[in-house]
Protein backbone atom coordinates (compact mmCIF):
# COMPACT_ATOMS: atom_id res chain seq x y z
CA UNK A 1 -166.31 -66.91 -149.30
CA UNK A 2 -167.72 -68.54 -146.17
CA UNK A 3 -166.23 -69.79 -142.93
CA UNK A 4 -166.55 -73.49 -142.13
CA UNK A 5 -165.28 -75.81 -139.39
CA UNK A 6 -162.68 -78.16 -140.71
CA UNK A 7 -164.74 -81.07 -139.46
CA UNK A 8 -167.38 -80.14 -142.11
CA UNK A 9 -164.94 -79.59 -144.89
CA UNK A 10 -165.05 -82.09 -147.75
CA UNK A 11 -162.68 -83.21 -150.55
CA UNK A 12 -163.33 -81.05 -153.66
CA UNK A 13 -164.04 -77.88 -151.86
CA UNK A 14 -161.67 -75.00 -152.66
CA UNK A 15 -159.84 -72.65 -150.31
CA UNK A 16 -160.88 -68.93 -150.39
CA UNK A 17 -157.90 -67.84 -148.25
CA UNK A 18 -154.29 -68.91 -148.18
CA UNK A 19 -152.88 -71.24 -145.51
CA UNK A 20 -149.61 -69.93 -143.99
CA UNK A 21 -146.71 -71.72 -142.18
CA UNK A 22 -145.53 -70.44 -138.72
CA UNK A 23 -143.09 -68.02 -140.45
CA UNK A 24 -145.57 -66.59 -142.87
CA UNK A 25 -144.80 -68.75 -145.92
CA UNK A 26 -147.74 -69.66 -148.10
CA UNK A 27 -148.38 -73.38 -147.92
CA UNK A 28 -151.71 -73.55 -149.79
CA UNK A 29 -152.79 -70.86 -152.19
CA UNK A 30 -156.23 -69.50 -152.69
CA UNK A 31 -158.20 -71.79 -154.98
CA UNK A 32 -156.38 -74.94 -153.91
CA UNK A 33 -158.61 -77.94 -153.92
CA UNK A 34 -159.02 -79.87 -150.70
CA UNK A 35 -158.28 -83.60 -150.55
CA UNK A 36 -159.01 -85.99 -147.64
CA UNK A 37 -155.25 -86.04 -146.90
CA UNK A 38 -154.98 -82.23 -146.84
CA UNK A 39 -157.98 -81.91 -144.57
CA UNK A 40 -156.52 -84.40 -142.20
CA UNK A 41 -153.17 -82.75 -142.16
CA UNK A 42 -154.49 -79.30 -141.65
CA UNK A 43 -156.53 -80.59 -138.74
CA UNK A 44 -153.43 -82.21 -137.24
CA UNK A 45 -151.60 -78.93 -137.57
CA UNK A 46 -154.10 -77.11 -135.48
CA UNK A 47 -156.41 -75.52 -138.12
CA UNK A 48 -159.97 -75.37 -136.76
CA UNK A 49 -161.71 -73.45 -139.50
CA UNK A 50 -161.31 -72.76 -143.20
CA UNK A 51 -162.59 -70.07 -145.57
CA UNK A 52 -164.23 -71.98 -148.49
CA UNK A 53 -165.12 -70.64 -151.94
CA UNK A 54 -168.90 -70.47 -152.54
CA UNK A 55 -170.69 -68.99 -155.48
CA UNK A 56 -173.40 -67.49 -153.21
CA UNK A 57 -170.83 -65.63 -151.17
CA UNK A 58 -167.86 -65.31 -153.54
CA UNK A 59 -167.91 -61.43 -153.35
CA UNK A 60 -167.58 -61.48 -149.53
CA UNK A 61 -164.09 -60.34 -148.71
CA UNK A 62 -162.51 -60.84 -145.28
CA UNK A 63 -160.11 -57.94 -144.70
CA UNK A 64 -156.64 -58.67 -143.24
CA UNK A 65 -155.43 -56.69 -140.32
CA UNK A 66 -151.81 -57.00 -141.45
CA UNK A 67 -150.28 -57.17 -144.95
CA UNK A 68 -148.77 -60.46 -146.08
CA UNK A 69 -145.35 -58.83 -145.89
CA UNK A 70 -145.84 -57.53 -142.34
CA UNK A 71 -147.18 -60.82 -141.10
CA UNK A 72 -144.27 -62.75 -142.76
CA UNK A 73 -141.58 -60.42 -141.41
CA UNK A 74 -143.17 -60.26 -137.88
CA UNK A 75 -143.53 -64.07 -137.58
CA UNK A 76 -139.92 -64.60 -138.83
CA UNK A 77 -138.62 -62.00 -136.29
CA UNK A 78 -140.66 -63.49 -133.40
CA UNK A 79 -139.42 -66.94 -134.27
CA UNK A 80 -135.81 -65.92 -134.39
CA UNK A 81 -135.95 -63.79 -131.23
CA UNK A 82 -137.70 -66.44 -129.20
CA UNK A 83 -135.19 -69.10 -130.36
CA UNK A 84 -132.36 -66.64 -129.30
CA UNK A 85 -133.95 -66.51 -125.81
CA UNK A 86 -134.07 -70.40 -125.56
CA UNK A 87 -130.37 -70.46 -124.71
CA UNK A 88 -130.35 -67.30 -122.65
CA UNK A 89 -129.88 -69.01 -119.12
CA UNK A 90 -126.69 -70.66 -120.33
CA UNK A 91 -125.21 -67.25 -121.24
CA UNK A 92 -123.29 -64.91 -118.86
CA UNK A 93 -125.77 -62.62 -117.17
CA UNK A 94 -123.70 -59.56 -118.14
CA UNK A 95 -124.19 -60.19 -121.81
CA UNK A 96 -126.99 -58.32 -123.53
CA UNK A 97 -128.25 -58.43 -127.13
CA UNK A 98 -129.24 -54.95 -128.44
CA UNK A 99 -130.23 -56.37 -131.79
CA UNK A 100 -133.15 -58.26 -130.17
CA UNK A 101 -134.80 -55.00 -129.12
CA UNK A 102 -134.07 -53.37 -132.47
CA UNK A 103 -135.75 -56.23 -134.37
CA UNK A 104 -138.84 -56.09 -132.18
CA UNK A 105 -139.04 -52.30 -132.56
CA UNK A 106 -138.91 -52.67 -136.30
CA UNK A 107 -141.69 -55.23 -136.12
CA UNK A 108 -143.75 -52.92 -133.98
CA UNK A 109 -143.23 -50.09 -136.47
CA UNK A 110 -144.54 -52.21 -139.30
CA UNK A 111 -147.57 -53.37 -137.24
CA UNK A 112 -148.45 -49.82 -136.19
CA UNK A 113 -148.12 -48.61 -139.80
CA UNK A 114 -150.61 -51.20 -140.94
CA UNK A 115 -153.03 -50.68 -138.14
CA UNK A 116 -152.87 -46.92 -138.06
CA UNK A 117 -154.09 -46.83 -141.69
CA UNK A 118 -157.41 -48.21 -140.61
CA UNK A 119 -158.38 -46.88 -137.20
CA UNK A 120 -161.98 -48.32 -137.47
CA UNK A 121 -160.52 -51.92 -137.92
CA UNK A 122 -162.15 -54.45 -135.75
CA UNK A 123 -160.46 -57.25 -133.92
CA UNK A 124 -160.74 -60.16 -136.43
CA UNK A 125 -159.56 -63.74 -135.82
CA UNK A 126 -156.06 -63.99 -137.37
CA UNK A 127 -155.28 -67.63 -136.57
CA UNK A 128 -157.86 -69.38 -138.77
CA UNK A 129 -155.47 -69.93 -141.63
CA UNK A 130 -151.96 -70.38 -140.11
CA UNK A 131 -150.35 -73.75 -139.54
CA UNK A 132 -148.42 -72.37 -136.67
CA UNK A 133 -146.19 -72.96 -133.68
CA UNK A 134 -148.81 -71.69 -131.28
CA UNK A 135 -146.45 -69.47 -129.28
CA UNK A 136 -145.38 -67.44 -132.32
CA UNK A 137 -148.77 -66.78 -133.73
CA UNK A 138 -150.20 -66.17 -130.31
CA UNK A 139 -147.60 -63.51 -129.62
CA UNK A 140 -148.38 -61.75 -132.84
CA UNK A 141 -152.15 -62.00 -132.36
CA UNK A 142 -151.97 -60.62 -128.89
CA UNK A 143 -149.74 -57.74 -130.07
CA UNK A 144 -152.02 -56.85 -132.97
CA UNK A 145 -155.29 -57.07 -130.90
CA UNK A 146 -153.85 -55.05 -127.95
CA UNK A 147 -152.46 -52.33 -130.21
CA UNK A 148 -155.85 -51.92 -131.88
CA UNK A 149 -157.33 -51.49 -128.36
CA UNK A 150 -154.54 -49.03 -127.54
CA UNK A 151 -155.37 -46.95 -130.64
CA UNK A 152 -159.09 -46.97 -129.69
CA UNK A 153 -158.27 -46.03 -126.11
CA UNK A 154 -156.36 -43.03 -127.32
CA UNK A 155 -152.71 -43.90 -126.49
CA UNK A 156 -150.02 -41.86 -128.30
CA UNK A 157 -147.29 -43.29 -130.47
CA UNK A 158 -144.83 -43.79 -127.64
CA UNK A 159 -147.42 -45.48 -125.48
CA UNK A 160 -148.56 -47.72 -128.33
CA UNK A 161 -145.02 -48.88 -129.00
CA UNK A 162 -144.43 -49.73 -125.28
CA UNK A 163 -147.86 -51.48 -125.05
CA UNK A 164 -147.15 -53.41 -128.27
CA UNK A 165 -143.76 -54.47 -127.31
CA UNK A 166 -145.13 -55.68 -123.94
CA UNK A 167 -147.77 -57.63 -125.87
CA UNK A 168 -145.34 -59.00 -128.43
CA UNK A 169 -143.02 -60.37 -125.78
CA UNK A 170 -145.50 -61.18 -122.93
CA UNK A 171 -145.03 -64.94 -123.32
CA UNK A 172 -141.24 -64.99 -123.99
CA UNK A 173 -140.77 -66.70 -120.68
CA UNK A 174 -142.34 -69.93 -122.25
CA UNK A 175 -138.99 -70.30 -124.08
CA UNK A 176 -137.64 -71.47 -120.64
CA UNK A 177 -140.41 -74.05 -120.09
CA UNK A 178 -139.88 -77.62 -121.34
CA UNK A 179 -141.68 -78.69 -124.47
CA UNK A 180 -142.94 -81.69 -122.65
CA UNK A 181 -144.98 -79.35 -120.35
CA UNK A 182 -145.92 -76.74 -122.96
CA UNK A 183 -147.22 -79.45 -125.36
CA UNK A 184 -148.74 -81.88 -122.96
CA UNK A 185 -152.15 -82.95 -124.37
CA UNK A 186 -153.74 -83.77 -120.99
CA UNK A 187 -154.22 -82.07 -117.60
CA UNK A 188 -151.03 -80.70 -116.07
CA UNK A 189 -149.82 -82.11 -112.72
CA UNK A 190 -149.53 -79.65 -109.90
CA UNK A 191 -145.81 -79.64 -110.49
CA UNK A 192 -146.14 -79.09 -114.17
CA UNK A 193 -148.74 -76.23 -113.60
CA UNK A 194 -146.43 -74.55 -111.16
CA UNK A 195 -143.64 -74.85 -113.71
CA UNK A 196 -145.88 -73.42 -116.48
CA UNK A 197 -146.71 -70.47 -114.17
CA UNK A 198 -143.01 -69.62 -113.78
CA UNK A 199 -142.96 -68.31 -117.38
CA UNK A 200 -144.10 -64.89 -116.11
CA UNK A 201 -141.08 -64.46 -113.81
CA UNK A 202 -138.71 -65.87 -116.33
CA UNK A 203 -140.05 -63.55 -119.03
CA UNK A 204 -139.38 -60.58 -116.66
CA UNK A 205 -135.82 -61.61 -116.02
CA UNK A 206 -135.10 -62.32 -119.72
CA UNK A 207 -136.35 -58.81 -120.65
CA UNK A 208 -135.62 -56.46 -117.78
CA UNK A 209 -131.87 -55.70 -118.65
CA UNK A 210 -132.19 -55.91 -122.50
CA UNK A 211 -131.34 -52.60 -124.18
CA UNK A 212 -133.93 -51.39 -126.71
CA UNK A 213 -136.67 -53.20 -124.92
CA UNK A 214 -138.69 -50.89 -122.51
CA UNK A 215 -138.70 -52.04 -118.85
CA UNK A 216 -142.49 -51.85 -118.93
CA UNK A 217 -142.46 -54.75 -121.38
CA UNK A 218 -140.67 -56.82 -118.79
CA UNK A 219 -143.39 -55.92 -116.28
CA UNK A 220 -146.04 -56.90 -118.90
CA UNK A 221 -144.40 -60.32 -119.13
CA UNK A 222 -144.39 -60.44 -115.24
CA UNK A 223 -147.98 -59.33 -114.69
CA UNK A 224 -150.20 -60.49 -117.51
CA UNK A 225 -151.66 -63.32 -115.53
CA UNK A 226 -152.37 -61.14 -112.43
CA UNK A 227 -156.15 -60.56 -111.79
CA UNK A 228 -158.01 -57.75 -110.16
CA UNK A 229 -159.09 -59.82 -107.18
CA UNK A 230 -155.64 -61.12 -106.39
CA UNK A 231 -156.32 -64.67 -107.79
CA UNK A 232 -153.65 -64.40 -110.51
CA UNK A 233 -150.01 -65.26 -110.53
CA UNK A 234 -147.12 -65.07 -109.85
CA UNK A 235 -147.53 -62.59 -106.97
CA UNK A 236 -151.29 -62.36 -106.43
CA UNK A 237 -151.25 -58.56 -106.72
CA UNK A 238 -154.59 -56.72 -107.04
CA UNK A 239 -156.34 -53.87 -108.80
CA UNK A 240 -154.21 -50.71 -109.20
CA UNK A 241 -151.04 -52.66 -108.37
CA UNK A 242 -151.24 -54.32 -111.83
CA UNK A 243 -149.91 -52.12 -114.59
CA UNK A 244 -152.49 -50.79 -116.97
CA UNK A 245 -150.76 -52.34 -120.01
CA UNK A 246 -150.64 -55.73 -118.36
CA UNK A 247 -154.35 -55.48 -117.71
CA UNK A 248 -155.07 -54.94 -121.38
CA UNK A 249 -152.73 -57.80 -122.35
CA UNK A 250 -154.33 -60.07 -119.76
CA UNK A 251 -157.70 -59.63 -121.44
CA UNK A 252 -156.38 -60.13 -124.94
CA UNK A 253 -154.19 -63.09 -123.94
CA UNK A 254 -157.17 -64.89 -122.56
CA UNK A 255 -159.32 -64.16 -125.55
CA UNK A 256 -156.75 -65.31 -128.03
CA UNK A 257 -156.01 -68.54 -126.01
CA UNK A 258 -159.80 -69.25 -125.99
CA UNK A 259 -160.24 -68.72 -129.74
CA UNK A 260 -157.15 -70.78 -130.65
CA UNK A 261 -157.30 -74.47 -131.09
CA UNK A 262 -155.00 -76.27 -128.54
CA UNK A 263 -153.77 -79.86 -128.21
CA UNK A 264 -156.28 -80.39 -125.37
CA UNK A 265 -159.35 -78.55 -126.66
CA UNK A 266 -161.10 -77.01 -129.64
CA UNK A 267 -161.20 -73.33 -130.29
CA UNK A 268 -164.10 -71.14 -129.06
CA UNK A 269 -165.86 -68.79 -131.40
CA UNK A 270 -165.52 -65.03 -130.67
CA UNK A 271 -168.94 -64.61 -129.13
CA UNK A 272 -168.36 -67.61 -126.75
CA UNK A 273 -164.92 -66.21 -125.76
CA UNK A 274 -166.31 -62.69 -125.10
CA UNK A 275 -169.08 -64.23 -122.97
CA UNK A 276 -166.50 -66.21 -120.96
CA UNK A 277 -164.46 -63.09 -120.35
CA UNK A 278 -167.45 -61.20 -119.05
CA UNK A 279 -168.03 -63.88 -116.39
CA UNK A 280 -164.91 -62.38 -114.89
CA UNK A 281 -165.91 -58.71 -115.19
CA UNK A 282 -164.95 -56.75 -112.20
CA UNK A 283 -163.25 -59.72 -110.45
CA UNK A 284 -160.67 -60.91 -112.91
CA UNK A 285 -160.73 -58.19 -115.71
CA UNK A 286 -161.35 -54.47 -115.53
CA UNK A 287 -165.00 -53.85 -116.58
CA UNK A 288 -164.32 -50.68 -118.60
CA UNK A 289 -161.51 -52.47 -120.59
CA UNK A 290 -163.88 -55.45 -121.24
CA UNK A 291 -166.47 -52.99 -122.58
CA UNK A 292 -164.00 -51.30 -124.82
CA UNK A 293 -162.66 -54.75 -125.97
CA UNK A 294 -166.24 -56.10 -126.68
CA UNK A 295 -166.89 -52.93 -128.83
CA UNK A 296 -163.68 -53.67 -130.96
CA UNK A 297 -164.28 -57.39 -131.41
CA UNK A 298 -165.95 -58.81 -134.49
CA UNK A 299 -168.02 -61.27 -132.48
CA UNK A 300 -169.53 -62.49 -135.75
CA UNK A 301 -166.64 -62.79 -138.18
CA UNK A 302 -167.17 -62.03 -141.82
CA UNK A 303 -168.13 -65.20 -143.62
CA UNK A 304 -169.52 -67.05 -140.67
CA UNK A 305 -172.91 -68.81 -141.15
CA UNK A 306 -175.63 -67.80 -138.74
CA UNK A 307 -179.25 -68.51 -138.08
CA UNK A 308 -181.65 -65.64 -137.48
CA UNK A 309 -184.52 -65.48 -135.08
CA UNK A 310 -186.82 -65.55 -138.15
CA UNK A 311 -185.62 -69.05 -138.92
CA UNK A 312 -183.62 -67.93 -141.97
CA UNK A 313 -180.03 -68.99 -142.56
CA UNK A 314 -177.53 -66.39 -143.56
CA UNK A 315 -173.81 -65.53 -143.86
CA UNK A 316 -172.12 -62.47 -142.42
CA UNK A 317 -171.16 -60.12 -145.17
CA UNK A 318 -169.78 -57.16 -143.10
CA UNK A 319 -169.43 -55.75 -139.64
CA UNK A 320 -171.12 -52.59 -138.22
CA UNK A 321 -168.23 -51.14 -136.30
CA UNK A 322 -170.61 -49.11 -134.13
CA UNK A 323 -172.88 -52.06 -133.50
CA UNK A 324 -170.87 -55.32 -133.76
CA UNK A 325 -173.69 -57.50 -132.62
CA UNK A 326 -175.82 -56.43 -135.50
CA UNK A 327 -173.77 -57.27 -138.65
CA UNK A 328 -174.80 -57.14 -142.31
CA UNK A 329 -175.86 -60.60 -143.48
CA UNK A 330 -176.72 -62.35 -146.71
CA UNK A 331 -180.06 -64.14 -146.46
CA UNK A 332 -179.78 -67.62 -148.07
CA UNK A 333 -182.97 -69.33 -147.09
CA UNK A 334 -186.51 -68.55 -146.20
CA UNK A 335 -188.13 -69.05 -142.81
CA UNK A 336 -188.73 -72.71 -143.50
CA UNK A 337 -185.08 -73.35 -144.51
CA UNK A 338 -185.75 -73.60 -148.31
CA UNK A 339 -182.85 -72.06 -150.40
CA UNK A 340 -183.61 -68.70 -151.97
CA UNK A 341 -183.18 -68.36 -155.76
CA UNK A 342 -182.07 -64.77 -155.18
CA UNK A 343 -180.19 -64.27 -151.85
CA UNK A 344 -180.20 -60.76 -150.60
CA UNK A 345 -178.41 -58.65 -147.94
CA UNK A 346 -179.89 -57.27 -144.79
CA UNK A 347 -178.31 -54.73 -142.40
CA UNK A 348 -179.44 -55.90 -138.95
CA UNK A 349 -178.68 -52.45 -137.44
CA UNK A 350 -181.68 -51.23 -139.54
CA UNK A 351 -183.97 -54.18 -138.80
CA UNK A 352 -184.20 -54.17 -135.04
CA UNK A 353 -186.60 -57.01 -134.77
CA UNK A 354 -184.21 -59.35 -136.60
CA UNK A 355 -181.11 -60.75 -134.76
CA UNK A 356 -178.64 -63.49 -134.77
CA UNK A 357 -179.96 -66.40 -132.66
CA UNK A 358 -177.37 -69.04 -133.48
CA UNK A 359 -174.00 -69.66 -135.08
CA UNK A 360 -174.37 -72.58 -137.47
CA UNK A 361 -170.77 -73.68 -137.43
CA UNK A 362 -171.41 -76.91 -135.72
CA UNK A 363 -174.57 -77.84 -137.58
CA UNK A 364 -174.34 -80.72 -139.92
CA UNK A 365 -177.48 -79.66 -141.85
CA UNK A 366 -175.86 -76.48 -143.24
CA UNK A 367 -177.27 -75.16 -146.48
CA UNK A 368 -175.08 -77.07 -148.93
CA UNK A 369 -172.52 -75.22 -151.03
CA UNK A 370 -173.49 -74.74 -154.71
CA UNK A 371 -171.65 -77.14 -157.07
């Protein structure tokens, strides 16, 4: 399979990965043939990229961080929990809902079980093939990515559960923001921006008294937009005043927002998002955390088409976890761009003079897919 921008997808191409709804239900199966109508509808639903079948790369497999069952159950639980919170302000403040925390703990248990089975797993884009309500999938993505970082950092099981719960619920305050503001396609007015920023405080007050939800999760909701230099919100706190978990979530939240397609802009690719994050190293984000994050991100996702400094076109076959910027690639053309009769794989970690010079996702002269 190879990864392709939906803008370059054409009728007759076949999907190599399923398309899911926002609660994990399969909408389009592997092998489904694209039509002009399907392509248009997927684009309208926020899909930026697709995995397409291709005889030159049909043996390339993109691993999933979560099983289908875990993703489906997690999205269903997130959806029902967030909808529960929508009506929270109308309820008496003395009323709590223990089952909400229990549901989220069960979700965290499933996520941790899936991730702990593969401690070398890299942070892979999870939102390429989900027709989603952005808030639900974003919450799951941030939880999964942050938990992976926590495992790599060496947190114990209890710490991972607290970190993961904080990540899973970091944006719950957005359930208290009007849809008109959340989904506005253009630039927010100052009033609307101030309203949006209040999701951090509202998330804290929703979570702080809920049984079965650790208090630190409420603080993660409160602090995940705070920045080292005090330029964040809602309180403008600095450095060590920000909880360590909230710092991790702040990095991942920014990354997932950048790599997700929104109403008002297209998605960035991973290497672009990592570069953008590094522009805030030491000022917005902790430098050591960014370094650990960079080492866990698959900046060149499996299946993505790339151009090498030799002039050859290739597709990423696998990731070198110890050297993510030097993946294993399948060479498809020669230096002049002519298609090879026998494509071959090259491990760039063993060919140090060869490197990725360009992502070919936006090129309209891509090596055509075989019939």
